[in-house]
Amino acid sequence: MSATAEANIKLPISPPKQPARKISWLEFQRKYLSREDGYKYEWLNGTVEKSKRGMDKTQLYILRTIQNYFIEQKSQGKVSGNLVSEPDLFFLDNHRRPDITWLTDEQIDRLTYDSKDVPAFVIEVISTNDQINRVEQKMDDYRAAGVQVVWHVFPLLGKVHVYGGEKLSSMQVVAGEQICSAAPVLAAFEMKVEELLRKPELPPEKK
């Protein structure tokens, strides 16, 4: 093919990407808040972010392990409040649904009246569906709102990233027999990673 012929070939032009349509919080509540379709919907700067739910059915054992340990600690008077799965919360102006959140009893009472209380401790289970940019955007929201401790649990890698310090600026990678701690928020709430991620035995099938 001649250079002239090549110059005359026109490549298809992609249409410009349309900006995401903004909706009100009331419209988001009406259309997305109660959807049960396997996705998580969050309201960010007036736009809807759709993503796969953080914990799939193969990771529910992690939620159970954490909640059971918290209940045990609470029965001994070492912790208070509650661990809640995927609550609808605001981090400044952005609506998020963390995988697991610690809330005090007072915060839960205030949320009854539609307050925007920010939790001090959040746990995210990082799955293969999570994109690094999305995870970082969440962390930016948590930092801006004043969250004090965040755990990023990586079941496939067998490790936990523990964020703390000023604006969640420090991060410690723990694995195996190492401890992931919720201090200074919940000093008594600490677990070995191997215990946190230990899978249950497969029960026998019912006959």
N, C-alpha and C. Protein backbone atom coordinates (compact mmCIF):
# COMPACT_ATOMS: atom_id res chain seq x y z
N MET A 1 0.86 -1.19 0.00
CA MET A 1 0.00 0.00 0.00
C MET A 1 0.89 1.24 0.00
N SER A 2 0.53 2.21 -0.86
CA SER A 2 1.34 3.42 -0.96
C SER A 2 1.16 4.31 0.26
N ALA A 3 2.14 5.21 0.42
CA ALA A 3 2.05 6.14 1.55
C ALA A 3 0.83 7.03 1.41
N THR A 4 0.47 7.37 0.15
CA THR A 4 -0.71 8.23 -0.07
C THR A 4 -1.98 7.50 0.35
N ALA A 5 -2.07 6.21 -0.02
CA ALA A 5 -3.26 5.43 0.35
C ALA A 5 -3.37 5.30 1.86
N GLU A 6 -2.20 5.05 2.53
CA GLU A 6 -2.22 4.94 3.99
C GLU A 6 -2.69 6.24 4.64
N ALA A 7 -2.28 7.36 4.07
CA ALA A 7 -2.66 8.65 4.64
C ALA A 7 -4.14 8.91 4.51
N ASN A 8 -4.78 8.28 3.50
CA ASN A 8 -6.21 8.51 3.26
C ASN A 8 -7.10 7.62 4.12
N ILE A 9 -6.49 6.63 4.80
CA ILE A 9 -7.29 5.76 5.67
C ILE A 9 -7.69 6.52 6.92
N LYS A 10 -8.99 6.52 7.19
CA LYS A 10 -9.49 7.24 8.36
C LYS A 10 -9.82 6.26 9.47
N LEU A 11 -9.19 6.46 10.59
CA LEU A 11 -9.47 5.62 11.75
C LEU A 11 -10.76 6.06 12.41
N PRO A 12 -11.53 5.10 12.95
CA PRO A 12 -12.78 5.48 13.63
C PRO A 12 -12.50 6.34 14.84
N ILE A 13 -13.32 7.34 15.02
CA ILE A 13 -13.15 8.27 16.14
C ILE A 13 -14.12 7.87 17.25
N SER A 14 -13.58 7.60 18.43
CA SER A 14 -14.44 7.24 19.56
C SER A 14 -15.21 8.46 20.02
N PRO A 15 -16.51 8.28 20.32
CA PRO A 15 -17.28 9.42 20.82
C PRO A 15 -16.75 9.87 22.17
N PRO A 16 -16.80 11.14 22.45
CA PRO A 16 -16.29 11.62 23.76
C PRO A 16 -17.08 11.00 24.90
N LYS A 17 -16.36 10.67 25.95
CA LYS A 17 -16.98 10.06 27.11
C LYS A 17 -17.88 11.06 27.82
N GLN A 18 -19.11 10.65 28.02
CA GLN A 18 -20.07 11.53 28.67
C GLN A 18 -19.81 11.57 30.17
N PRO A 19 -19.87 12.74 30.77
CA PRO A 19 -19.69 12.81 32.23
C PRO A 19 -20.82 12.10 32.95
N ALA A 20 -20.49 11.50 34.09
CA ALA A 20 -21.51 10.78 34.85
C ALA A 20 -22.61 11.73 35.28
N ARG A 21 -23.85 11.27 35.13
CA ARG A 21 -24.99 12.10 35.52
C ARG A 21 -25.07 12.18 37.04
N LYS A 22 -25.23 13.38 37.54
CA LYS A 22 -25.34 13.56 38.98
C LYS A 22 -26.80 13.46 39.41
N ILE A 23 -26.99 12.85 40.57
CA ILE A 23 -28.33 12.72 41.13
C ILE A 23 -28.31 13.17 42.58
N SER A 24 -29.46 13.45 43.11
CA SER A 24 -29.56 13.88 44.50
C SER A 24 -29.48 12.67 45.43
N TRP A 25 -29.19 12.95 46.70
CA TRP A 25 -29.17 11.88 47.70
C TRP A 25 -30.54 11.23 47.81
N LEU A 26 -31.60 12.01 47.72
CA LEU A 26 -32.94 11.44 47.80
C LEU A 26 -33.21 10.49 46.64
N GLU A 27 -32.77 10.86 45.44
CA GLU A 27 -32.96 9.98 44.29
C GLU A 27 -32.12 8.72 44.44
N PHE A 28 -30.89 8.86 44.95
CA PHE A 28 -30.05 7.70 45.19
C PHE A 28 -30.70 6.75 46.18
N GLN A 29 -31.24 7.30 47.26
CA GLN A 29 -31.91 6.46 48.25
C GLN A 29 -33.07 5.69 47.62
N ARG A 30 -33.82 6.35 46.80
CA ARG A 30 -35.00 5.74 46.20
C ARG A 30 -34.64 4.64 45.19
N LYS A 31 -33.59 4.88 44.41
CA LYS A 31 -33.29 3.97 43.30
C LYS A 31 -32.25 2.90 43.63
N TYR A 32 -31.34 3.18 44.56
CA TYR A 32 -30.19 2.30 44.72
C TYR A 32 -30.00 1.72 46.12
N LEU A 33 -30.48 2.38 47.14
CA LEU A 33 -30.09 2.01 48.50
C LEU A 33 -30.56 0.61 48.90
N SER A 34 -31.70 0.20 48.38
CA SER A 34 -32.25 -1.10 48.78
C SER A 34 -32.09 -2.18 47.72
N ARG A 35 -31.28 -1.93 46.69
CA ARG A 35 -31.09 -2.94 45.65
C ARG A 35 -30.36 -4.16 46.19
N GLU A 36 -30.83 -5.32 45.80
CA GLU A 36 -30.19 -6.58 46.20
C GLU A 36 -29.87 -7.36 44.93
N ASP A 37 -28.84 -6.93 44.22
CA ASP A 37 -28.48 -7.56 42.95
C ASP A 37 -27.03 -8.01 42.89
N GLY A 38 -26.41 -8.15 44.07
CA GLY A 38 -25.03 -8.60 44.09
C GLY A 38 -24.00 -7.50 43.94
N TYR A 39 -24.47 -6.25 43.85
CA TYR A 39 -23.55 -5.12 43.72
C TYR A 39 -23.68 -4.19 44.92
N LYS A 40 -22.65 -3.39 45.11
CA LYS A 40 -22.63 -2.37 46.14
C LYS A 40 -22.72 -1.01 45.45
N TYR A 41 -23.66 -0.18 45.89
CA TYR A 41 -23.84 1.16 45.30
C TYR A 41 -23.47 2.21 46.34
N GLU A 42 -22.62 3.15 45.92
CA GLU A 42 -22.20 4.24 46.80
C GLU A 42 -22.39 5.56 46.08
N TRP A 43 -22.64 6.61 46.85
CA TRP A 43 -22.97 7.94 46.30
C TRP A 43 -21.79 8.86 46.56
N LEU A 44 -21.06 9.22 45.48
CA LEU A 44 -19.82 9.97 45.61
C LEU A 44 -19.89 11.25 44.81
N ASN A 45 -19.86 12.38 45.51
CA ASN A 45 -19.93 13.68 44.84
C ASN A 45 -21.12 13.79 43.90
N GLY A 46 -22.22 13.16 44.29
CA GLY A 46 -23.44 13.25 43.49
C GLY A 46 -23.56 12.22 42.39
N THR A 47 -22.55 11.36 42.21
CA THR A 47 -22.62 10.33 41.18
C THR A 47 -22.70 8.95 41.84
N VAL A 48 -23.17 7.97 41.08
CA VAL A 48 -23.35 6.61 41.59
C VAL A 48 -22.14 5.77 41.21
N GLU A 49 -21.53 5.12 42.21
CA GLU A 49 -20.44 4.18 41.94
C GLU A 49 -20.95 2.77 42.20
N LYS A 50 -20.83 1.93 41.20
CA LYS A 50 -21.30 0.55 41.28
C LYS A 50 -20.10 -0.37 41.31
N SER A 51 -20.08 -1.28 42.26
CA SER A 51 -18.97 -2.23 42.35
C SER A 51 -19.49 -3.54 42.91
N LYS A 52 -18.71 -4.61 42.68
CA LYS A 52 -19.05 -5.89 43.28
C LYS A 52 -18.96 -5.79 44.80
N ARG A 53 -19.81 -6.49 45.48
CA ARG A 53 -19.75 -6.48 46.94
C ARG A 53 -18.38 -6.97 47.40
N GLY A 54 -17.87 -6.35 48.47
CA GLY A 54 -16.53 -6.66 48.93
C GLY A 54 -16.38 -8.10 49.35
N MET A 55 -17.34 -8.63 50.08
CA MET A 55 -17.26 -10.00 50.55
C MET A 55 -18.23 -10.87 49.76
N ASP A 56 -17.69 -11.89 49.09
CA ASP A 56 -18.59 -12.83 48.44
C ASP A 56 -18.85 -13.99 49.39
N LYS A 57 -19.59 -14.98 48.93
CA LYS A 57 -20.00 -16.06 49.82
C LYS A 57 -18.82 -16.87 50.35
N THR A 58 -17.70 -16.88 49.60
CA THR A 58 -16.53 -17.64 50.06
C THR A 58 -15.75 -16.90 51.14
N GLN A 59 -16.15 -15.67 51.45
CA GLN A 59 -15.42 -14.87 52.44
C GLN A 59 -16.28 -14.55 53.67
N LEU A 60 -17.49 -15.08 53.71
CA LEU A 60 -18.36 -14.80 54.85
C LEU A 60 -17.79 -15.36 56.15
N TYR A 61 -16.97 -16.40 56.04
CA TYR A 61 -16.37 -16.96 57.24
C TYR A 61 -15.49 -15.93 57.95
N ILE A 62 -14.89 -15.01 57.18
CA ILE A 62 -14.06 -13.96 57.78
C ILE A 62 -14.92 -13.04 58.64
N LEU A 63 -16.07 -12.64 58.10
CA LEU A 63 -17.01 -11.82 58.86
C LEU A 63 -17.44 -12.54 60.13
N ARG A 64 -17.76 -13.84 60.01
CA ARG A 64 -18.19 -14.60 61.19
C ARG A 64 -17.07 -14.68 62.22
N THR A 65 -15.84 -14.94 61.78
CA THR A 65 -14.71 -15.04 62.71
C THR A 65 -14.51 -13.73 63.48
N ILE A 66 -14.55 -12.61 62.75
CA ILE A 66 -14.34 -11.31 63.39
C ILE A 66 -15.48 -10.99 64.35
N GLN A 67 -16.71 -11.23 63.93
CA GLN A 67 -17.85 -10.93 64.79
C GLN A 67 -17.89 -11.82 66.02
N ASN A 68 -17.59 -13.11 65.86
CA ASN A 68 -17.59 -14.01 67.01
C ASN A 68 -16.52 -13.61 68.03
N TYR A 69 -15.35 -13.22 67.53
CA TYR A 69 -14.29 -12.79 68.44
C TYR A 69 -14.69 -11.49 69.16
N PHE A 70 -15.33 -10.59 68.42
CA PHE A 70 -15.78 -9.33 69.03
C PHE A 70 -16.81 -9.62 70.12
N ILE A 71 -17.75 -10.53 69.85
CA ILE A 71 -18.77 -10.89 70.85
C ILE A 71 -18.12 -11.47 72.10
N GLU A 72 -17.11 -12.32 71.89
CA GLU A 72 -16.38 -12.90 73.03
C GLU A 72 -15.70 -11.81 73.84
N GLN A 73 -15.03 -10.87 73.16
CA GLN A 73 -14.37 -9.76 73.85
C GLN A 73 -15.39 -8.88 74.59
N LYS A 74 -16.53 -8.68 73.97
CA LYS A 74 -17.56 -7.84 74.58
C LYS A 74 -18.13 -8.50 75.83
N SER A 75 -18.29 -9.82 75.80
CA SER A 75 -18.81 -10.54 76.98
C SER A 75 -17.86 -10.44 78.16
N GLN A 76 -16.58 -10.21 77.89
CA GLN A 76 -15.58 -10.06 78.94
C GLN A 76 -15.36 -8.60 79.33
N GLY A 77 -16.14 -7.70 78.73
CA GLY A 77 -16.04 -6.28 79.06
C GLY A 77 -14.82 -5.59 78.48
N LYS A 78 -14.18 -6.20 77.47
CA LYS A 78 -12.96 -5.63 76.90
C LYS A 78 -13.24 -4.64 75.77
N VAL A 79 -14.38 -4.78 75.11
CA VAL A 79 -14.77 -3.87 74.05
C VAL A 79 -16.24 -3.50 74.23
N SER A 80 -16.66 -2.48 73.53
CA SER A 80 -18.06 -2.06 73.58
C SER A 80 -18.50 -1.70 72.17
N GLY A 81 -19.77 -1.34 72.02
CA GLY A 81 -20.28 -1.01 70.71
C GLY A 81 -20.62 -2.24 69.91
N ASN A 82 -20.61 -2.10 68.57
CA ASN A 82 -20.99 -3.21 67.70
C ASN A 82 -20.19 -3.18 66.41
N LEU A 83 -19.95 -4.36 65.84
CA LEU A 83 -19.39 -4.48 64.50
C LEU A 83 -20.55 -4.68 63.54
N VAL A 84 -20.63 -3.84 62.53
CA VAL A 84 -21.77 -3.85 61.60
C VAL A 84 -21.26 -4.12 60.20
N SER A 85 -21.99 -4.96 59.47
CA SER A 85 -21.61 -5.30 58.10
C SER A 85 -22.30 -4.38 57.10
N GLU A 86 -21.51 -3.74 56.26
CA GLU A 86 -21.97 -2.87 55.16
C GLU A 86 -23.04 -1.85 55.57
N PRO A 87 -22.79 -1.05 56.58
CA PRO A 87 -23.75 0.01 56.92
C PRO A 87 -23.66 1.15 55.92
N ASP A 88 -24.74 1.89 55.77
CA ASP A 88 -24.76 3.08 54.92
C ASP A 88 -24.29 4.27 55.75
N LEU A 89 -23.08 4.76 55.45
CA LEU A 89 -22.49 5.83 56.25
C LEU A 89 -21.96 6.93 55.35
N PHE A 90 -21.83 8.12 55.93
CA PHE A 90 -21.24 9.24 55.22
C PHE A 90 -19.86 9.55 55.77
N PHE A 91 -18.91 9.73 54.86
CA PHE A 91 -17.58 10.18 55.21
C PHE A 91 -17.44 11.56 54.57
N LEU A 92 -17.70 12.59 55.37
CA LEU A 92 -17.92 13.95 54.88
C LEU A 92 -19.08 13.92 53.90
N ASP A 93 -18.86 14.26 52.62
CA ASP A 93 -19.98 14.33 51.68
C ASP A 93 -20.18 13.06 50.87
N ASN A 94 -19.35 12.05 51.09
CA ASN A 94 -19.43 10.83 50.30
C ASN A 94 -20.05 9.68 51.08
N HIS A 95 -21.01 9.02 50.45
CA HIS A 95 -21.67 7.87 51.04
C HIS A 95 -20.85 6.62 50.72
N ARG A 96 -20.56 5.84 51.75
CA ARG A 96 -19.79 4.61 51.59
C ARG A 96 -20.46 3.47 52.35
N ARG A 97 -20.12 2.24 51.93
CA ARG A 97 -20.62 1.04 52.61
C ARG A 97 -19.41 0.16 52.94
N PRO A 98 -18.68 0.46 54.00
CA PRO A 98 -17.53 -0.38 54.37
C PRO A 98 -17.97 -1.81 54.62
N ASP A 99 -17.06 -2.75 54.36
CA ASP A 99 -17.40 -4.16 54.58
C ASP A 99 -17.78 -4.42 56.03
N ILE A 100 -16.96 -3.95 56.96
CA ILE A 100 -17.22 -4.12 58.39
C ILE A 100 -16.83 -2.82 59.10
N THR A 101 -17.68 -2.36 59.99
CA THR A 101 -17.46 -1.08 60.67
C THR A 101 -17.74 -1.22 62.15
N TRP A 102 -16.87 -0.63 62.97
CA TRP A 102 -17.15 -0.57 64.40
C TRP A 102 -17.85 0.74 64.71
N LEU A 103 -18.99 0.63 65.40
CA LEU A 103 -19.76 1.80 65.80
C LEU A 103 -20.05 1.71 67.30
N THR A 104 -19.93 2.84 67.98
CA THR A 104 -20.30 2.87 69.39
C THR A 104 -21.82 2.83 69.51
N ASP A 105 -22.30 2.50 70.69
CA ASP A 105 -23.75 2.51 70.92
C ASP A 105 -24.32 3.91 70.71
N GLU A 106 -23.56 4.92 71.13
CA GLU A 106 -24.03 6.30 70.96
C GLU A 106 -24.13 6.67 69.48
N GLN A 107 -23.18 6.21 68.68
CA GLN A 107 -23.25 6.49 67.25
C GLN A 107 -24.46 5.82 66.61
N ILE A 108 -24.72 4.59 67.00
CA ILE A 108 -25.89 3.90 66.46
C ILE A 108 -27.17 4.62 66.84
N ASP A 109 -27.22 5.13 68.08
CA ASP A 109 -28.39 5.89 68.52
C ASP A 109 -28.56 7.15 67.68
N ARG A 110 -27.45 7.86 67.42
CA ARG A 110 -27.55 9.09 66.63
C ARG A 110 -27.90 8.79 65.18
N LEU A 111 -27.39 7.68 64.64
CA LEU A 111 -27.71 7.33 63.26
C LEU A 111 -29.19 7.05 63.08
N THR A 112 -29.86 6.68 64.16
CA THR A 112 -31.32 6.52 64.12
C THR A 112 -31.99 7.80 63.65
N TYR A 113 -31.37 8.93 63.97
CA TYR A 113 -31.92 10.24 63.60
C TYR A 113 -31.16 10.85 62.42
N ASP A 114 -30.57 9.97 61.58
CA ASP A 114 -29.95 10.37 60.31
C ASP A 114 -28.74 11.27 60.50
N SER A 115 -27.96 11.00 61.55
CA SER A 115 -26.73 11.77 61.74
C SER A 115 -25.67 11.28 60.74
N LYS A 116 -24.53 11.97 60.72
CA LYS A 116 -23.44 11.56 59.84
C LYS A 116 -22.20 11.23 60.65
N ASP A 117 -22.39 10.44 61.70
CA ASP A 117 -21.27 10.04 62.55
C ASP A 117 -20.26 9.21 61.75
N VAL A 118 -18.98 9.46 62.00
CA VAL A 118 -17.90 8.77 61.30
C VAL A 118 -17.32 7.69 62.21
N PRO A 119 -17.21 6.45 61.76
CA PRO A 119 -16.60 5.40 62.59
C PRO A 119 -15.11 5.61 62.73
N ALA A 120 -14.56 5.12 63.83
CA ALA A 120 -13.12 5.24 64.05
C ALA A 120 -12.35 4.05 63.50
N PHE A 121 -13.05 2.92 63.26
CA PHE A 121 -12.38 1.68 62.86
C PHE A 121 -13.18 1.02 61.75
N VAL A 122 -12.50 0.71 60.63
CA VAL A 122 -13.14 0.12 59.45
C VAL A 122 -12.31 -1.06 58.98
N ILE A 123 -12.99 -2.10 58.52
CA ILE A 123 -12.33 -3.28 57.93
C ILE A 123 -12.84 -3.46 56.50
N GLU A 124 -11.92 -3.60 55.56
CA GLU A 124 -12.27 -3.89 54.17
C GLU A 124 -11.63 -5.22 53.78
N VAL A 125 -12.45 -6.11 53.21
CA VAL A 125 -11.94 -7.37 52.68
C VAL A 125 -11.65 -7.15 51.20
N ILE A 126 -10.38 -7.24 50.83
CA ILE A 126 -9.96 -6.92 49.46
C ILE A 126 -10.02 -8.18 48.62
N SER A 127 -10.92 -8.17 47.64
CA SER A 127 -11.10 -9.34 46.78
C SER A 127 -10.51 -9.07 45.40
N THR A 128 -10.60 -10.06 44.54
CA THR A 128 -10.08 -9.90 43.17
C THR A 128 -10.90 -8.91 42.38
N ASN A 129 -12.11 -8.59 42.84
CA ASN A 129 -12.96 -7.64 42.13
C ASN A 129 -12.59 -6.19 42.41
N ASP A 130 -11.82 -5.97 43.47
CA ASP A 130 -11.47 -4.61 43.85
C ASP A 130 -10.37 -4.06 42.95
N GLN A 131 -10.54 -2.83 42.52
CA GLN A 131 -9.52 -2.15 41.73
C GLN A 131 -8.74 -1.22 42.65
N ILE A 132 -7.43 -1.15 42.42
CA ILE A 132 -6.56 -0.39 43.32
C ILE A 132 -6.98 1.07 43.41
N ASN A 133 -7.41 1.66 42.29
CA ASN A 133 -7.82 3.07 42.32
C ASN A 133 -9.05 3.26 43.21
N ARG A 134 -9.98 2.31 43.14
CA ARG A 134 -11.20 2.40 43.95
C ARG A 134 -10.86 2.27 45.43
N VAL A 135 -9.95 1.36 45.74
CA VAL A 135 -9.53 1.18 47.13
C VAL A 135 -8.87 2.46 47.66
N GLU A 136 -8.03 3.08 46.83
CA GLU A 136 -7.36 4.30 47.24
C GLU A 136 -8.33 5.47 47.41
N GLN A 137 -9.35 5.52 46.56
CA GLN A 137 -10.36 6.57 46.71
C GLN A 137 -11.10 6.43 48.04
N LYS A 138 -11.40 5.18 48.41
CA LYS A 138 -12.02 4.97 49.71
C LYS A 138 -11.11 5.42 50.84
N MET A 139 -9.84 5.08 50.74
CA MET A 139 -8.90 5.47 51.78
C MET A 139 -8.81 6.99 51.89
N ASP A 140 -8.85 7.69 50.76
CA ASP A 140 -8.84 9.15 50.80
C ASP A 140 -10.05 9.69 51.56
N ASP A 141 -11.22 9.07 51.33
CA ASP A 141 -12.43 9.49 52.06
C ASP A 141 -12.28 9.20 53.55
N TYR A 142 -11.74 8.04 53.89
CA TYR A 142 -11.57 7.69 55.30
C TYR A 142 -10.59 8.65 55.98
N ARG A 143 -9.51 8.98 55.29
CA ARG A 143 -8.53 9.92 55.86
C ARG A 143 -9.16 11.29 56.10
N ALA A 144 -9.86 11.79 55.08
CA ALA A 144 -10.45 13.13 55.18
C ALA A 144 -11.48 13.21 56.30
N ALA A 145 -12.19 12.11 56.54
CA ALA A 145 -13.27 12.12 57.54
C ALA A 145 -12.77 11.84 58.95
N GLY A 146 -11.52 11.39 59.10
CA GLY A 146 -10.97 11.18 60.44
C GLY A 146 -11.02 9.76 60.96
N VAL A 147 -11.18 8.76 60.09
CA VAL A 147 -11.09 7.37 60.53
C VAL A 147 -9.69 7.13 61.08
N GLN A 148 -9.60 6.39 62.18
CA GLN A 148 -8.31 6.24 62.87
C GLN A 148 -7.57 4.94 62.55
N VAL A 149 -8.32 3.88 62.30
CA VAL A 149 -7.71 2.58 62.00
C VAL A 149 -8.48 1.91 60.87
N VAL A 150 -7.73 1.37 59.90
CA VAL A 150 -8.33 0.61 58.80
C VAL A 150 -7.54 -0.68 58.61
N TRP A 151 -8.28 -1.80 58.52
CA TRP A 151 -7.66 -3.06 58.12
C TRP A 151 -8.04 -3.36 56.68
N HIS A 152 -7.05 -3.67 55.86
CA HIS A 152 -7.29 -4.24 54.53
C HIS A 152 -6.92 -5.72 54.61
N VAL A 153 -7.93 -6.57 54.53
CA VAL A 153 -7.73 -8.01 54.66
C VAL A 153 -7.61 -8.62 53.26
N PHE A 154 -6.52 -9.34 53.02
CA PHE A 154 -6.27 -9.98 51.72
C PHE A 154 -6.34 -11.50 51.90
N PRO A 155 -7.51 -12.10 51.73
CA PRO A 155 -7.64 -13.55 51.96
C PRO A 155 -6.75 -14.38 51.04
N LEU A 156 -6.65 -14.00 49.77
CA LEU A 156 -5.87 -14.78 48.82
C LEU A 156 -4.37 -14.72 49.09
N LEU A 157 -3.92 -13.61 49.67
CA LEU A 157 -2.49 -13.43 49.96
C LEU A 157 -2.12 -13.82 51.38
N GLY A 158 -3.15 -14.03 52.22
CA GLY A 158 -2.88 -14.44 53.59
C GLY A 158 -2.24 -13.36 54.44
N LYS A 159 -2.62 -12.10 54.21
CA LYS A 159 -2.03 -11.02 54.98
C LYS A 159 -3.03 -9.90 55.20
N VAL A 160 -2.68 -8.99 56.10
CA VAL A 160 -3.53 -7.84 56.43
C VAL A 160 -2.65 -6.60 56.43
N HIS A 161 -3.14 -5.54 55.80
CA HIS A 161 -2.50 -4.23 55.90
C HIS A 161 -3.23 -3.44 56.98
N VAL A 162 -2.52 -3.01 57.99
CA VAL A 162 -3.10 -2.26 59.11
C VAL A 162 -2.67 -0.80 58.99
N TYR A 163 -3.64 0.08 58.78
CA TYR A 163 -3.36 1.51 58.64
C TYR A 163 -3.71 2.24 59.93
N GLY A 164 -2.87 3.18 60.33
CA GLY A 164 -3.14 3.98 61.51
C GLY A 164 -2.31 5.25 61.48
N GLY A 165 -2.20 5.89 62.63
CA GLY A 165 -1.42 7.12 62.71
C GLY A 165 -2.17 8.32 62.14
N GLU A 166 -1.46 9.44 62.02
CA GLU A 166 -2.04 10.68 61.52
C GLU A 166 -2.49 10.50 60.07
N LYS A 167 -3.78 10.72 59.83
CA LYS A 167 -4.35 10.60 58.48
C LYS A 167 -4.07 9.22 57.87
N LEU A 168 -4.02 8.19 58.74
CA LEU A 168 -3.77 6.82 58.27
C LEU A 168 -2.48 6.73 57.46
N SER A 169 -1.48 7.49 57.90
CA SER A 169 -0.24 7.60 57.12
C SER A 169 0.73 6.44 57.35
N SER A 170 0.53 5.67 58.43
CA SER A 170 1.42 4.53 58.67
C SER A 170 0.71 3.24 58.29
N MET A 171 1.46 2.31 57.72
CA MET A 171 0.88 1.03 57.32
C MET A 171 1.83 -0.10 57.68
N GLN A 172 1.27 -1.12 58.32
CA GLN A 172 2.05 -2.29 58.70
C GLN A 172 1.46 -3.52 58.02
N VAL A 173 2.31 -4.32 57.39
CA VAL A 173 1.87 -5.57 56.76
C VAL A 173 2.11 -6.71 57.73
N VAL A 174 1.05 -7.45 58.07
CA VAL A 174 1.17 -8.55 59.02
C VAL A 174 0.62 -9.83 58.39
N ALA A 175 1.20 -10.95 58.79
CA ALA A 175 0.80 -12.24 58.24
C ALA A 175 1.11 -13.33 59.27
N GLY A 176 0.54 -14.51 59.04
CA GLY A 176 0.84 -15.67 59.89
C GLY A 176 0.50 -15.44 61.35
N GLU A 177 1.50 -15.59 62.22
CA GLU A 177 1.27 -15.44 63.66
C GLU A 177 1.35 -13.99 64.11
N GLN A 178 1.63 -13.07 63.20
CA GLN A 178 1.69 -11.66 63.56
C GLN A 178 0.29 -11.14 63.88
N ILE A 179 0.26 -10.06 64.65
CA ILE A 179 -1.00 -9.53 65.19
C ILE A 179 -1.47 -8.34 64.37
N CYS A 180 -2.77 -8.34 64.04
CA CYS A 180 -3.39 -7.11 63.52
C CYS A 180 -4.23 -6.54 64.66
N SER A 181 -3.99 -5.27 64.95
CA SER A 181 -4.59 -4.62 66.12
C SER A 181 -5.45 -3.44 65.70
N ALA A 182 -6.52 -3.20 66.48
CA ALA A 182 -7.37 -2.03 66.27
C ALA A 182 -7.01 -0.89 67.21
N ALA A 183 -5.90 -0.99 67.91
CA ALA A 183 -5.44 0.11 68.77
C ALA A 183 -5.07 1.31 67.91
N PRO A 184 -5.27 2.52 68.42
CA PRO A 184 -5.72 2.89 69.77
C PRO A 184 -7.24 2.94 69.92
N VAL A 185 -7.99 2.62 68.87
CA VAL A 185 -9.45 2.71 68.95
C VAL A 185 -9.99 1.64 69.90
N LEU A 186 -9.61 0.39 69.66
CA LEU A 186 -10.00 -0.73 70.51
C LEU A 186 -8.71 -1.48 70.86
N ALA A 187 -8.09 -1.12 71.94
CA ALA A 187 -6.79 -1.67 72.29
C ALA A 187 -6.83 -3.18 72.50
N ALA A 188 -7.97 -3.69 72.99
CA ALA A 188 -8.06 -5.12 73.30
C ALA A 188 -8.41 -5.96 72.07
N PHE A 189 -8.78 -5.31 70.98
CA PHE A 189 -9.22 -6.06 69.80
C PHE A 189 -8.03 -6.29 68.88
N GLU A 190 -7.44 -7.46 69.02
CA GLU A 190 -6.30 -7.83 68.20
C GLU A 190 -6.35 -9.33 67.93
N MET A 191 -5.94 -9.70 66.72
CA MET A 191 -6.04 -11.10 66.30
C MET A 191 -4.81 -11.49 65.52
N LYS A 192 -4.41 -12.76 65.65
CA LYS A 192 -3.40 -13.30 64.76
C LYS A 192 -4.00 -13.43 63.36
N VAL A 193 -3.22 -13.11 62.36
CA VAL A 193 -3.72 -13.17 60.99
C VAL A 193 -4.13 -14.59 60.63
N GLU A 194 -3.36 -15.56 61.05
CA GLU A 194 -3.70 -16.95 60.72
C GLU A 194 -5.03 -17.37 61.33
N GLU A 195 -5.38 -16.80 62.50
CA GLU A 195 -6.67 -17.10 63.11
C GLU A 195 -7.79 -16.37 62.38
N LEU A 196 -7.52 -15.13 61.98
CA LEU A 196 -8.51 -14.33 61.26
C LEU A 196 -8.88 -15.00 59.94
N LEU A 197 -7.89 -15.59 59.26
CA LEU A 197 -8.11 -16.12 57.90
C LEU A 197 -8.25 -17.64 57.86
N ARG A 198 -8.25 -18.29 59.02
CA ARG A 198 -8.36 -19.75 59.02
C ARG A 198 -9.73 -20.20 58.51
N LYS A 199 -9.73 -20.99 57.45
CA LYS A 199 -10.98 -21.45 56.86
C LYS A 199 -11.57 -22.57 57.71
N PRO A 200 -12.90 -22.66 57.76
CA PRO A 200 -13.52 -23.76 58.49
C PRO A 200 -13.38 -25.06 57.71
N GLU A 201 -13.49 -26.18 58.42
CA GLU A 201 -13.51 -27.47 57.75
C GLU A 201 -14.81 -27.63 56.96
N LEU A 202 -14.70 -28.34 55.86
CA LEU A 202 -15.88 -28.55 55.03
C LEU A 202 -16.82 -29.54 55.73
N PRO A 203 -18.04 -29.12 56.08
CA PRO A 203 -18.97 -30.04 56.75
C PRO A 203 -19.38 -31.17 55.80
N PRO A 204 -19.67 -32.35 56.36
CA PRO A 204 -20.14 -33.44 55.51
C PRO A 204 -21.52 -33.10 54.92
N GLU A 205 -21.77 -33.60 53.74
CA GLU A 205 -23.07 -33.34 53.11
C GLU A 205 -24.16 -34.13 53.82
N LYS A 206 -25.31 -33.49 53.92
CA LYS A 206 -26.46 -34.14 54.56
C LYS A 206 -26.98 -35.26 53.67
N LYS A 207 -27.29 -36.38 54.29
CA LYS A 207 -27.83 -37.50 53.52
C LYS A 207 -29.35 -37.40 53.42
